[in-house]
Amino acid sequence: LMQQPALPEKHSKAAGAGSSIIGILEVCESDFATNLAKEEQEEADAQDEYEKITQENKIEKTNMEQDVKYKTKESKSLDK
């Protein structure tokens, strides 16, 4: 007599497939959050540096204008 073939194994859903995708997405989210925080800090530092240099430039400009004003005044007084 011929033997019956073995019953096929029933399909079972992949265990953990969804959780591994969610895990990957969580890692991506974490990386994005870390990079965003780093970029925001660098932007804030750059803004602070810009404001500092701008203030120094304003002071330097005022000093130069005053020098020109006094030298012009002195020059006019020497011409008399």
C-alpha atoms as a PDB file:
ATOM      1  CA  LEU A   1       0.000   0.000   0.000  1.00  0.00           C
ATOM      2  CA  MET A   2       1.039   3.591  -0.575  1.00  0.00           C
ATOM      3  CA  GLN A   3       1.616   5.792   2.384  1.00  0.00           C
ATOM      4  CA  GLN A   4      -0.251   8.984   2.766  1.00  0.00           C
ATOM      5  CA  PRO A   5       1.987  12.094   2.593  1.00  0.00           C
ATOM      6  CA  ALA A   6       2.484  13.955   5.821  1.00  0.00           C
ATOM      7  CA  LEU A   7       0.015  16.692   6.539  1.00  0.00           C
ATOM      8  CA  PRO A   8       1.394  20.108   5.579  1.00  0.00           C
ATOM      9  CA  GLU A   9       2.311  22.398   8.423  1.00  0.00           C
ATOM     10  CA  LYS A  10      -0.212  25.096   8.933  1.00  0.00           C
ATOM     11  CA  HIS A  11       0.926  28.588   8.204  1.00  0.00           C
ATOM     12  CA  SER A  12       1.546  30.670  11.274  1.00  0.00           C
ATOM     13  CA  LYS A  13       2.089  34.384  11.196  1.00  0.00           C
ATOM     14  CA  ALA A  14       5.593  35.645  11.685  1.00  0.00           C
ATOM     15  CA  ALA A  15       6.120  36.377  15.317  1.00  0.00           C
ATOM     16  CA  GLY A  16       7.783  39.682  16.045  1.00  0.00           C
ATOM     17  CA  ALA A  17       7.762  41.026  12.475  1.00  0.00           C
ATOM     18  CA  GLY A  18       5.617  44.008  13.436  1.00  0.00           C
ATOM     19  CA  SER A  19       7.591  44.690  16.560  1.00  0.00           C
ATOM     20  CA  SER A  20      10.877  44.724  14.644  1.00  0.00           C
ATOM     21  CA  ILE A  21       9.505  47.335  12.221  1.00  0.00           C
ATOM     22  CA  ILE A  22       8.253  49.409  15.118  1.00  0.00           C
ATOM     23  CA  GLY A  23      11.660  49.020  16.763  1.00  0.00           C
ATOM     24  CA  ILE A  24      13.375  50.329  13.623  1.00  0.00           C
ATOM     25  CA  LEU A  25      10.983  53.267  13.480  1.00  0.00           C
ATOM     26  CA  GLU A  26      11.626  54.061  17.140  1.00  0.00           C
ATOM     27  CA  VAL A  27      15.381  54.070  16.514  1.00  0.00           C
ATOM     28  CA  CYS A  28      14.874  56.390  13.524  1.00  0.00           C
ATOM     29  CA  GLU A  29      12.712  58.706  15.618  1.00  0.00           C
ATOM     30  CA  SER A  30      15.335  58.749  18.353  1.00  0.00           C
ATOM     31  CA  ASP A  31      18.079  59.556  15.832  1.00  0.00           C
ATOM     32  CA  PHE A  32      16.020  62.350  14.311  1.00  0.00           C
ATOM     33  CA  ALA A  33      15.256  63.797  17.742  1.00  0.00           C
ATOM     34  CA  THR A  34      18.938  63.707  18.691  1.00  0.00           C
ATOM     35  CA  ASN A  35      20.005  65.348  15.433  1.00  0.00           C
ATOM     36  CA  LEU A  36      17.267  67.963  15.719  1.00  0.00           C
ATOM     37  CA  ALA A  37      18.349  68.892  19.245  1.00  0.00           C
ATOM     38  CA  LYS A  38      21.981  69.119  18.115  1.00  0.00           C
ATOM     39  CA  GLU A  39      21.094  71.314  15.122  1.00  0.00           C
ATOM     40  CA  GLU A  40      18.900  73.587  17.249  1.00  0.00           C
ATOM     41  CA  GLN A  41      21.751  74.050  19.736  1.00  0.00           C
ATOM     42  CA  GLU A  42      24.232  74.821  16.954  1.00  0.00           C
ATOM     43  CA  GLU A  43      21.771  77.334  15.476  1.00  0.00           C
ATOM     44  CA  ALA A  44      21.321  79.016  18.869  1.00  0.00           C
ATOM     45  CA  ASP A  45      25.101  79.184  19.346  1.00  0.00           C
ATOM     46  CA  ALA A  46      25.540  80.672  15.878  1.00  0.00           C
ATOM     47  CA  GLN A  47      22.829  83.256  16.597  1.00  0.00           C
ATOM     48  CA  ASP A  48      24.532  84.239  19.851  1.00  0.00           C
ATOM     49  CA  GLU A  49      27.881  84.581  18.064  1.00  0.00           C
ATOM     50  CA  TYR A  50      26.265  86.686  15.328  1.00  0.00           C
ATOM     51  CA  GLU A  51      24.670  89.024  17.869  1.00  0.00           C
ATOM     52  CA  LYS A  52      27.975  89.371  19.743  1.00  0.00           C
ATOM     53  CA  ILE A  53      29.909  90.224  16.568  1.00  0.00           C
ATOM     54  CA  THR A  54      27.174  92.632  15.448  1.00  0.00           C
ATOM     55  CA  GLN A  55      27.365  94.464  18.778  1.00  0.00           C
ATOM     56  CA  GLU A  56      31.174  94.630  18.577  1.00  0.00           C
ATOM     57  CA  ASN A  57      30.893  96.029  15.044  1.00  0.00           C
ATOM     58  CA  LYS A  58      28.435  98.704  16.182  1.00  0.00           C
ATOM     59  CA  ILE A  59      30.816  99.767  18.947  1.00  0.00           C
ATOM     60  CA  GLU A  60      33.785  99.809  16.560  1.00  0.00           C
ATOM     61  CA  LYS A  61      31.799 101.853  14.019  1.00  0.00           C
ATOM     62  CA  THR A  62      30.806 104.379  16.677  1.00  0.00           C
ATOM     63  CA  ASN A  63      34.421 104.679  17.816  1.00  0.00           C
ATOM     64  CA  MET A  64      35.604 105.254  14.260  1.00  0.00           C
ATOM     65  CA  GLU A  65      32.923 107.858  13.637  1.00  0.00           C
ATOM     66  CA  GLN A  66      33.916 109.673  16.811  1.00  0.00           C
ATOM     67  CA  ASP A  67      37.586 109.562  15.774  1.00  0.00           C
ATOM     68  CA  VAL A  68      36.702 111.095  12.410  1.00  0.00           C
ATOM     69  CA  LYS A  69      34.580 113.742  14.111  1.00  0.00           C
ATOM     70  CA  TYR A  70      37.341 114.747  16.547  1.00  0.00           C
ATOM     71  CA  LYS A  71      40.089 114.638  13.926  1.00  0.00           C
ATOM     72  CA  THR A  72      37.996 116.752  11.570  1.00  0.00           C
ATOM     73  CA  LYS A  73      37.341 119.225  14.360  1.00  0.00           C
ATOM     74  CA  GLU A  74      41.037 119.289  15.286  1.00  0.00           C
ATOM     75  CA  SER A  75      42.026 119.737  11.654  1.00  0.00           C
ATOM     76  CA  LYS A  76      39.655 122.679  11.246  1.00  0.00           C
ATOM     77  CA  SER A  77      40.993 124.309  14.402  1.00  0.00           C
ATOM     78  CA  LEU A  78      44.588 123.942  13.174  1.00  0.00           C
ATOM     79  CA  ASP A  79      43.707 125.480   9.807  1.00  0.00           C
ATOM     80  CA  LYS A  80      42.579 128.746  11.454  1.00  0.00           C
END
